[in-house]
Amino acid sequence: MAKGSLYLIPVPLAQEAEKASYTLLHADIINHIKEYVVENEKTARKFLKEAGLKRPQQELIIHDYGKHQREKINYHEIFKNAVAGEDIGLMSEAGCPAIADPGSDVVAEAHKRGIRVIPMVGPNSILMSLMASGFNGQHFSFLGYLPIDKSARSKKIKDIEKISQREKSTQIFIETPFRNNQLLAELLKSCKPQTKLCIACNITAGDEYIFTQSIGQWKDTKIDLHKKPCIFLLFAG
């Protein structure tokens, strides 16, 4: 018997961004699949409804992959039906599963079991911010979170600025939303005035903000990023 597949199902990045997030294929796939691995069951069920789920939700099998469940997750149970031929789905809390997301562990387990992995088209804040930045889209690095310690963070920023200048590469990183303003202040303090910075904030939301200018120009710009999901892109090439 052929094994089932693991579908990686993207979800919206922002509230009321369904039209910017789902394709017609989403509705076909979610009405075919009845078993999912998710980070939060409540929001996952909401995403499925928004994407056009017609199957009664009580028929769904939901595996909790939230942060409090990951250490005791039973992968044998998760993939039991997939090994027997049933397709299953993986959803993140925002954007594409397994990109800057713990779902990558689920994908790795699927490969171990010889289960086909099928990524679906959908919003990804990292790639969308790079597309809109005007920076080098052929040579870039995603660094995740920078150090929290001020001195270590300042050193890291200066290091990645040098790398960007030397390699003409785009350096992409993120911060916990409530520390965005502190990170921006450190970037303005540590980087050279001519280095360019793109800030991509609330991508796909009604108040989406994506703007690129030099560090020198950002110093004269008033902006509040507190508690807003942001992607930061640095280019010194």
C-alpha atoms as a PDB file:
ATOM      1  CA  MET A   1       0.000   0.000   0.000  1.00  0.00           C
ATOM      2  CA  ALA A   2       1.302   3.464  -0.925  1.00  0.00           C
ATOM      3  CA  LYS A   3       1.953   5.869   1.922  1.00  0.00           C
ATOM      4  CA  GLY A   4       0.102   9.147   2.252  1.00  0.00           C
ATOM      5  CA  SER A   5       1.647  12.596   1.922  1.00  0.00           C
ATOM      6  CA  LEU A   6       2.336  15.434   4.355  1.00  0.00           C
ATOM      7  CA  TYR A   7       0.947  18.722   2.999  1.00  0.00           C
ATOM      8  CA  LEU A   8       2.551  21.918   4.300  1.00  0.00           C
ATOM      9  CA  ILE A   9      -0.375  24.324   4.416  1.00  0.00           C
ATOM     10  CA  PRO A  10       0.392  28.067   4.753  1.00  0.00           C
ATOM     11  CA  VAL A  11      -1.944  30.254   6.788  1.00  0.00           C
ATOM     12  CA  PRO A  12      -2.478  34.056   6.850  1.00  0.00           C
ATOM     13  CA  LEU A  13       0.169  36.342   8.337  1.00  0.00           C
ATOM     14  CA  ALA A  14      -2.413  38.831   9.580  1.00  0.00           C
ATOM     15  CA  GLN A  15      -6.059  39.156  10.541  1.00  0.00           C
ATOM     16  CA  GLU A  16      -8.507  39.549   7.660  1.00  0.00           C
ATOM     17  CA  ALA A  17      -5.827  38.654   5.098  1.00  0.00           C
ATOM     18  CA  GLU A  18      -7.548  35.532   3.780  1.00  0.00           C
ATOM     19  CA  LYS A  19      -7.837  36.773   0.192  1.00  0.00           C
ATOM     20  CA  ALA A  20      -4.101  37.487   0.145  1.00  0.00           C
ATOM     21  CA  SER A  21      -3.280  34.086   1.617  1.00  0.00           C
ATOM     22  CA  TYR A  22      -5.286  31.269   0.069  1.00  0.00           C
ATOM     23  CA  THR A  23      -5.423  29.809  -3.430  1.00  0.00           C
ATOM     24  CA  LEU A  24      -8.184  27.663  -4.929  1.00  0.00           C
ATOM     25  CA  LEU A  25      -5.994  24.635  -4.234  1.00  0.00           C
ATOM     26  CA  HIS A  26      -6.265  25.254  -0.491  1.00  0.00           C
ATOM     27  CA  ALA A  27      -9.972  24.486  -0.494  1.00  0.00           C
ATOM     28  CA  ASP A  28      -9.428  21.300  -2.499  1.00  0.00           C
ATOM     29  CA  ILE A  29      -6.680  20.027  -0.187  1.00  0.00           C
ATOM     30  CA  ILE A  30      -8.314  20.849   3.149  1.00  0.00           C
ATOM     31  CA  ASN A  31     -11.539  19.205   2.045  1.00  0.00           C
ATOM     32  CA  HIS A  32      -9.555  16.101   1.138  1.00  0.00           C
ATOM     33  CA  ILE A  33      -7.483  15.917   4.337  1.00  0.00           C
ATOM     34  CA  LYS A  34      -9.045  15.126   7.701  1.00  0.00           C
ATOM     35  CA  GLU A  35      -5.928  14.935   9.902  1.00  0.00           C
ATOM     36  CA  TYR A  36      -3.664  17.822  10.904  1.00  0.00           C
ATOM     37  CA  VAL A  37      -0.617  18.644  13.008  1.00  0.00           C
ATOM     38  CA  VAL A  38      -1.003  22.172  14.427  1.00  0.00           C
ATOM     39  CA  GLU A  39       0.478  24.564  16.975  1.00  0.00           C
ATOM     40  CA  ASN A  40      -2.867  25.814  18.252  1.00  0.00           C
ATOM     41  CA  GLU A  41      -6.077  23.889  17.681  1.00  0.00           C
ATOM     42  CA  LYS A  42      -8.399  26.885  18.057  1.00  0.00           C
ATOM     43  CA  THR A  43      -6.641  29.058  15.499  1.00  0.00           C
ATOM     44  CA  ALA A  44      -6.064  26.083  13.180  1.00  0.00           C
ATOM     45  CA  ARG A  45      -9.788  25.386  13.051  1.00  0.00           C
ATOM     46  CA  LYS A  46     -10.381  29.073  12.300  1.00  0.00           C
ATOM     47  CA  PHE A  47      -7.875  28.965   9.423  1.00  0.00           C
ATOM     48  CA  LEU A  48      -9.545  25.890   7.959  1.00  0.00           C
ATOM     49  CA  LYS A  49     -12.950  27.544   8.059  1.00  0.00           C
ATOM     50  CA  GLU A  50     -11.603  30.693   6.372  1.00  0.00           C
ATOM     51  CA  ALA A  51      -9.951  28.603   3.656  1.00  0.00           C
ATOM     52  CA  GLY A  52     -13.246  26.954   2.718  1.00  0.00           C
ATOM     53  CA  LEU A  53     -13.548  23.796   4.812  1.00  0.00           C
ATOM     54  CA  LYS A  54     -16.845  22.023   4.155  1.00  0.00           C
ATOM     55  CA  ARG A  55     -16.209  18.868   6.185  1.00  0.00           C
ATOM     56  CA  PRO A  56     -17.792  18.973   9.694  1.00  0.00           C
ATOM     57  CA  GLN A  57     -14.996  19.925  12.072  1.00  0.00           C
ATOM     58  CA  GLN A  58     -15.895  17.168  14.530  1.00  0.00           C
ATOM     59  CA  GLU A  59     -14.646  14.703  11.923  1.00  0.00           C
ATOM     60  CA  LEU A  60     -11.136  16.145  12.001  1.00  0.00           C
ATOM     61  CA  ILE A  61      -8.194  14.542  13.793  1.00  0.00           C
ATOM     62  CA  ILE A  62      -6.011  17.264  15.336  1.00  0.00           C
ATOM     63  CA  HIS A  63      -2.524  16.626  16.764  1.00  0.00           C
ATOM     64  CA  ASP A  64      -1.311  19.361  19.126  1.00  0.00           C
ATOM     65  CA  TYR A  65       2.233  20.470  18.351  1.00  0.00           C
ATOM     66  CA  GLY A  66       2.188  23.503  20.660  1.00  0.00           C
ATOM     67  CA  LYS A  67       5.279  24.474  22.617  1.00  0.00           C
ATOM     68  CA  HIS A  68       4.055  22.663  25.728  1.00  0.00           C
ATOM     69  CA  GLN A  69       3.481  19.416  23.806  1.00  0.00           C
ATOM     70  CA  ARG A  70       6.598  19.081  21.651  1.00  0.00           C
ATOM     71  CA  GLU A  71       8.766  17.303  24.202  1.00  0.00           C
ATOM     72  CA  LYS A  72       6.227  14.490  24.570  1.00  0.00           C
ATOM     73  CA  ILE A  73       4.991  14.314  20.984  1.00  0.00           C
ATOM     74  CA  ASN A  74       4.326  10.810  19.683  1.00  0.00           C
ATOM     75  CA  TYR A  75       5.448  10.782  16.051  1.00  0.00           C
ATOM     76  CA  HIS A  76       4.352   7.171  15.639  1.00  0.00           C
ATOM     77  CA  GLU A  77       0.799   8.250  16.442  1.00  0.00           C
ATOM     78  CA  ILE A  78       1.017  11.342  14.229  1.00  0.00           C
ATOM     79  CA  PHE A  79       2.167   9.406  11.176  1.00  0.00           C
ATOM     80  CA  LYS A  80       0.267   6.155  11.770  1.00  0.00           C
ATOM     81  CA  ASN A  81      -2.464   6.965   9.258  1.00  0.00           C
ATOM     82  CA  ALA A  82      -0.029   8.527   6.785  1.00  0.00           C
ATOM     83  CA  VAL A  83       2.009   5.312   6.776  1.00  0.00           C
ATOM     84  CA  ALA A  84      -1.265   3.477   6.109  1.00  0.00           C
ATOM     85  CA  GLY A  85      -1.984   5.656   3.064  1.00  0.00           C
ATOM     86  CA  GLU A  86      -3.852   8.707   4.380  1.00  0.00           C
ATOM     87  CA  ASP A  87      -2.738  12.277   3.597  1.00  0.00           C
ATOM     88  CA  ILE A  88      -2.201  14.648   6.531  1.00  0.00           C
ATOM     89  CA  GLY A  89      -1.563  18.373   6.858  1.00  0.00           C
ATOM     90  CA  LEU A  90       0.838  20.590   8.836  1.00  0.00           C
ATOM     91  CA  MET A  91      -0.036  24.188   9.745  1.00  0.00           C
ATOM     92  CA  SER A  92       1.976  26.878  11.503  1.00  0.00           C
ATOM     93  CA  GLU A  93       0.579  29.791  13.507  1.00  0.00           C
ATOM     94  CA  ALA A  94       1.476  32.229  10.729  1.00  0.00           C
ATOM     95  CA  GLY A  95       2.747  31.945   7.179  1.00  0.00           C
ATOM     96  CA  CYS A  96       4.512  28.888   5.812  1.00  0.00           C
ATOM     97  CA  PRO A  97       5.128  25.832   8.004  1.00  0.00           C
ATOM     98  CA  ALA A  98       8.741  24.897   8.821  1.00  0.00           C
ATOM     99  CA  ILE A  99      10.236  28.297   7.870  1.00  0.00           C
ATOM    100  CA  ALA A 100      11.558  29.878  11.084  1.00  0.00           C
ATOM    101  CA  ASP A 101       9.048  27.511  12.636  1.00  0.00           C
ATOM    102  CA  PRO A 102       9.208  24.342  14.780  1.00  0.00           C
ATOM    103  CA  GLY A 103       7.221  22.441  12.160  1.00  0.00           C
ATOM    104  CA  SER A 104      10.546  21.613  10.500  1.00  0.00           C
ATOM    105  CA  ASP A 105      10.901  18.785  13.032  1.00  0.00           C
ATOM    106  CA  VAL A 106       7.621  17.271  11.823  1.00  0.00           C
ATOM    107  CA  VAL A 107       8.834  17.491   8.232  1.00  0.00           C
ATOM    108  CA  ALA A 108      12.113  15.779   9.177  1.00  0.00           C
ATOM    109  CA  GLU A 109      10.173  12.942  10.806  1.00  0.00           C
ATOM    110  CA  ALA A 110       8.064  12.541   7.666  1.00  0.00           C
ATOM    111  CA  HIS A 111      11.195  12.106   5.563  1.00  0.00           C
ATOM    112  CA  LYS A 112      12.506   9.485   7.990  1.00  0.00           C
ATOM    113  CA  ARG A 113       9.345   7.486   7.396  1.00  0.00           C
ATOM    114  CA  GLY A 114       9.477   7.787   3.623  1.00  0.00           C
ATOM    115  CA  ILE A 115       6.415  10.031   3.524  1.00  0.00           C
ATOM    116  CA  ARG A 116       6.210  12.460   0.626  1.00  0.00           C
ATOM    117  CA  VAL A 117       6.281  16.123   1.677  1.00  0.00           C
ATOM    118  CA  ILE A 118       4.273  18.580  -0.450  1.00  0.00           C
ATOM    119  CA  PRO A 119       4.761  22.338   0.179  1.00  0.00           C
ATOM    120  CA  MET A 120       1.849  24.543  -0.842  1.00  0.00           C
ATOM    121  CA  VAL A 121       2.002  28.109  -2.123  1.00  0.00           C
ATOM    122  CA  GLY A 122       1.303  30.763   0.486  1.00  0.00           C
ATOM    123  CA  PRO A 123       2.506  33.878   2.318  1.00  0.00           C
ATOM    124  CA  ASN A 124       5.997  33.944   3.796  1.00  0.00           C
ATOM    125  CA  SER A 125       7.058  37.165   5.497  1.00  0.00           C
ATOM    126  CA  ILE A 126      10.778  36.544   4.956  1.00  0.00           C
ATOM    127  CA  LEU A 127      10.542  36.130   1.193  1.00  0.00           C
ATOM    128  CA  MET A 128       7.856  38.793   0.778  1.00  0.00           C
ATOM    129  CA  SER A 129       9.986  41.358   2.615  1.00  0.00           C
ATOM    130  CA  LEU A 130      13.005  40.454   0.485  1.00  0.00           C
ATOM    131  CA  MET A 131      10.914  40.833  -2.676  1.00  0.00           C
ATOM    132  CA  ALA A 132       9.837  44.322  -1.609  1.00  0.00           C
ATOM    133  CA  SER A 133      13.173  45.541  -0.215  1.00  0.00           C
ATOM    134  CA  GLY A 134      15.032  46.280  -3.426  1.00  0.00           C
ATOM    135  CA  PHE A 135      18.035  44.381  -2.034  1.00  0.00           C
ATOM    136  CA  ASN A 136      20.016  41.485  -3.475  1.00  0.00           C
ATOM    137  CA  GLY A 137      17.595  38.592  -3.960  1.00  0.00           C
ATOM    138  CA  GLN A 138      20.260  36.196  -5.255  1.00  0.00           C
ATOM    139  CA  HIS A 139      22.533  36.256  -2.219  1.00  0.00           C
ATOM    140  CA  PHE A 140      20.873  36.580   1.170  1.00  0.00           C
ATOM    141  CA  SER A 141      20.931  35.095   4.670  1.00  0.00           C
ATOM    142  CA  PHE A 142      18.187  34.705   7.233  1.00  0.00           C
ATOM    143  CA  LEU A 143      19.695  35.015  10.707  1.00  0.00           C
ATOM    144  CA  GLY A 144      16.638  34.598  12.910  1.00  0.00           C
ATOM    145  CA  TYR A 145      16.920  36.477  16.198  1.00  0.00           C
ATOM    146  CA  LEU A 146      19.961  38.595  17.044  1.00  0.00           C
ATOM    147  CA  PRO A 147      21.475  38.392  20.565  1.00  0.00           C
ATOM    148  CA  ILE A 148      19.485  40.016  23.379  1.00  0.00           C
ATOM    149  CA  ASP A 149      22.571  41.220  25.250  1.00  0.00           C
ATOM    150  CA  LYS A 150      23.293  44.793  24.123  1.00  0.00           C
ATOM    151  CA  SER A 151      27.035  44.436  23.598  1.00  0.00           C
ATOM    152  CA  ALA A 152      26.670  41.092  21.825  1.00  0.00           C
ATOM    153  CA  ARG A 153      23.872  42.481  19.669  1.00  0.00           C
ATOM    154  CA  SER A 154      25.888  45.554  18.720  1.00  0.00           C
ATOM    155  CA  LYS A 155      28.838  43.369  17.742  1.00  0.00           C
ATOM    156  CA  LYS A 156      26.581  41.062  15.714  1.00  0.00           C
ATOM    157  CA  ILE A 157      25.073  43.993  13.834  1.00  0.00           C
ATOM    158  CA  LYS A 158      28.512  45.335  12.949  1.00  0.00           C
ATOM    159  CA  ASP A 159      29.619  41.856  11.869  1.00  0.00           C
ATOM    160  CA  ILE A 160      26.656  41.293   9.551  1.00  0.00           C
ATOM    161  CA  GLU A 161      27.086  44.791   8.126  1.00  0.00           C
ATOM    162  CA  LYS A 162      30.671  43.900   7.188  1.00  0.00           C
ATOM    163  CA  ILE A 163      29.524  40.590   5.684  1.00  0.00           C
ATOM    164  CA  SER A 164      26.859  42.372   3.647  1.00  0.00           C
ATOM    165  CA  GLN A 165      29.370  44.908   2.359  1.00  0.00           C
ATOM    166  CA  ARG A 166      32.018  42.301   1.544  1.00  0.00           C
ATOM    167  CA  GLU A 167      29.670  39.788  -0.090  1.00  0.00           C
ATOM    168  CA  LYS A 168      27.032  42.212  -1.383  1.00  0.00           C
ATOM    169  CA  SER A 169      24.467  40.075   0.401  1.00  0.00           C
ATOM    170  CA  THR A 170      21.153  40.871   2.066  1.00  0.00           C
ATOM    171  CA  GLN A 171      21.046  40.116   5.790  1.00  0.00           C
ATOM    172  CA  ILE A 172      17.571  39.336   7.145  1.00  0.00           C
ATOM    173  CA  PHE A 173      16.614  39.050  10.808  1.00  0.00           C
ATOM    174  CA  ILE A 174      13.704  39.361  13.228  1.00  0.00           C
ATOM    175  CA  GLU A 175      12.970  40.353  16.806  1.00  0.00           C
ATOM    176  CA  THR A 176      10.251  39.684  19.355  1.00  0.00           C
ATOM    177  CA  PRO A 177       7.656  42.383  18.549  1.00  0.00           C
ATOM    178  CA  PHE A 178       7.872  44.094  21.942  1.00  0.00           C
ATOM    179  CA  ARG A 179      11.632  44.617  21.432  1.00  0.00           C
ATOM    180  CA  ASN A 180      11.443  45.980  17.874  1.00  0.00           C
ATOM    181  CA  ASN A 181      12.029  49.595  18.862  1.00  0.00           C
ATOM    182  CA  GLN A 182      15.116  48.670  20.879  1.00  0.00           C
ATOM    183  CA  LEU A 183      16.539  46.735  17.935  1.00  0.00           C
ATOM    184  CA  LEU A 184      15.914  49.643  15.572  1.00  0.00           C
ATOM    185  CA  ALA A 185      17.670  52.008  17.994  1.00  0.00           C
ATOM    186  CA  GLU A 186      20.680  49.681  18.086  1.00  0.00           C
ATOM    187  CA  LEU A 187      20.768  49.452  14.276  1.00  0.00           C
ATOM    188  CA  LEU A 188      20.760  53.250  13.990  1.00  0.00           C
ATOM    189  CA  LYS A 189      23.540  53.462  16.553  1.00  0.00           C
ATOM    190  CA  SER A 190      25.767  50.666  15.238  1.00  0.00           C
ATOM    191  CA  CYS A 191      25.502  50.890  11.443  1.00  0.00           C
ATOM    192  CA  LYS A 192      27.169  53.288   9.023  1.00  0.00           C
ATOM    193  CA  PRO A 193      24.952  56.131   7.739  1.00  0.00           C
ATOM    194  CA  GLN A 194      25.089  54.878   4.128  1.00  0.00           C
ATOM    195  CA  THR A 195      24.043  51.300   4.955  1.00  0.00           C
ATOM    196  CA  LYS A 196      20.502  50.596   3.804  1.00  0.00           C
ATOM    197  CA  LEU A 197      17.777  49.197   6.025  1.00  0.00           C
ATOM    198  CA  CYS A 198      14.376  47.880   4.989  1.00  0.00           C
ATOM    199  CA  ILE A 199      11.662  47.494   7.612  1.00  0.00           C
ATOM    200  CA  ALA A 200       8.742  45.288   6.605  1.00  0.00           C
ATOM    201  CA  CYS A 201       5.948  45.502   9.166  1.00  0.00           C
ATOM    202  CA  ASN A 202       2.535  43.793   9.373  1.00  0.00           C
ATOM    203  CA  ILE A 203       2.880  42.183   5.945  1.00  0.00           C
ATOM    204  CA  THR A 204      -0.505  41.570   4.221  1.00  0.00           C
ATOM    205  CA  ALA A 205      -2.354  43.483   6.975  1.00  0.00           C
ATOM    206  CA  GLY A 206      -4.371  46.624   6.295  1.00  0.00           C
ATOM    207  CA  ASP A 207      -1.621  48.760   7.824  1.00  0.00           C
ATOM    208  CA  GLU A 208       1.247  46.999   6.038  1.00  0.00           C
ATOM    209  CA  TYR A 209       4.416  49.104   6.035  1.00  0.00           C
ATOM    210  CA  ILE A 210       7.452  48.258   3.902  1.00  0.00           C
ATOM    211  CA  PHE A 211      10.079  50.951   3.400  1.00  0.00           C
ATOM    212  CA  THR A 212      13.765  51.076   2.480  1.00  0.00           C
ATOM    213  CA  GLN A 213      16.185  53.910   3.105  1.00  0.00           C
ATOM    214  CA  SER A 214      19.663  54.553   4.478  1.00  0.00           C
ATOM    215  CA  ILE A 215      20.486  54.434   8.174  1.00  0.00           C
ATOM    216  CA  GLY A 216      21.120  58.172   7.988  1.00  0.00           C
ATOM    217  CA  GLN A 217      17.615  58.737   6.660  1.00  0.00           C
ATOM    218  CA  TRP A 218      16.050  56.399   9.226  1.00  0.00           C
ATOM    219  CA  LYS A 219      17.540  58.579  11.963  1.00  0.00           C
ATOM    220  CA  ASP A 220      15.246  61.372  10.789  1.00  0.00           C
ATOM    221  CA  THR A 221      12.183  59.112  10.547  1.00  0.00           C
ATOM    222  CA  LYS A 222       9.700  58.707  13.374  1.00  0.00           C
ATOM    223  CA  ILE A 223       8.281  55.195  13.501  1.00  0.00           C
ATOM    224  CA  ASP A 224       6.808  53.027  16.253  1.00  0.00           C
ATOM    225  CA  LEU A 225       7.243  49.278  15.769  1.00  0.00           C
ATOM    226  CA  HIS A 226       6.165  48.203  19.248  1.00  0.00           C
ATOM    227  CA  LYS A 227       4.270  44.894  19.246  1.00  0.00           C
ATOM    228  CA  LYS A 228       4.093  44.786  15.430  1.00  0.00           C
ATOM    229  CA  PRO A 229       5.457  41.744  13.548  1.00  0.00           C
ATOM    230  CA  CYS A 230       8.494  42.993  11.611  1.00  0.00           C
ATOM    231  CA  ILE A 231      11.222  41.751   9.316  1.00  0.00           C
ATOM    232  CA  PHE A 232      14.481  43.717   9.212  1.00  0.00           C
ATOM    233  CA  LEU A 233      16.732  43.612   6.137  1.00  0.00           C
ATOM    234  CA  LEU A 234      20.216  45.118   6.010  1.00  0.00           C
ATOM    235  CA  PHE A 235      22.230  45.794   2.872  1.00  0.00           C
ATOM    236  CA  ALA A 236      25.652  47.435   2.807  1.00  0.00           C
ATOM    237  CA  GLY A 237      26.809  46.148  -0.567  1.00  0.00           C
END
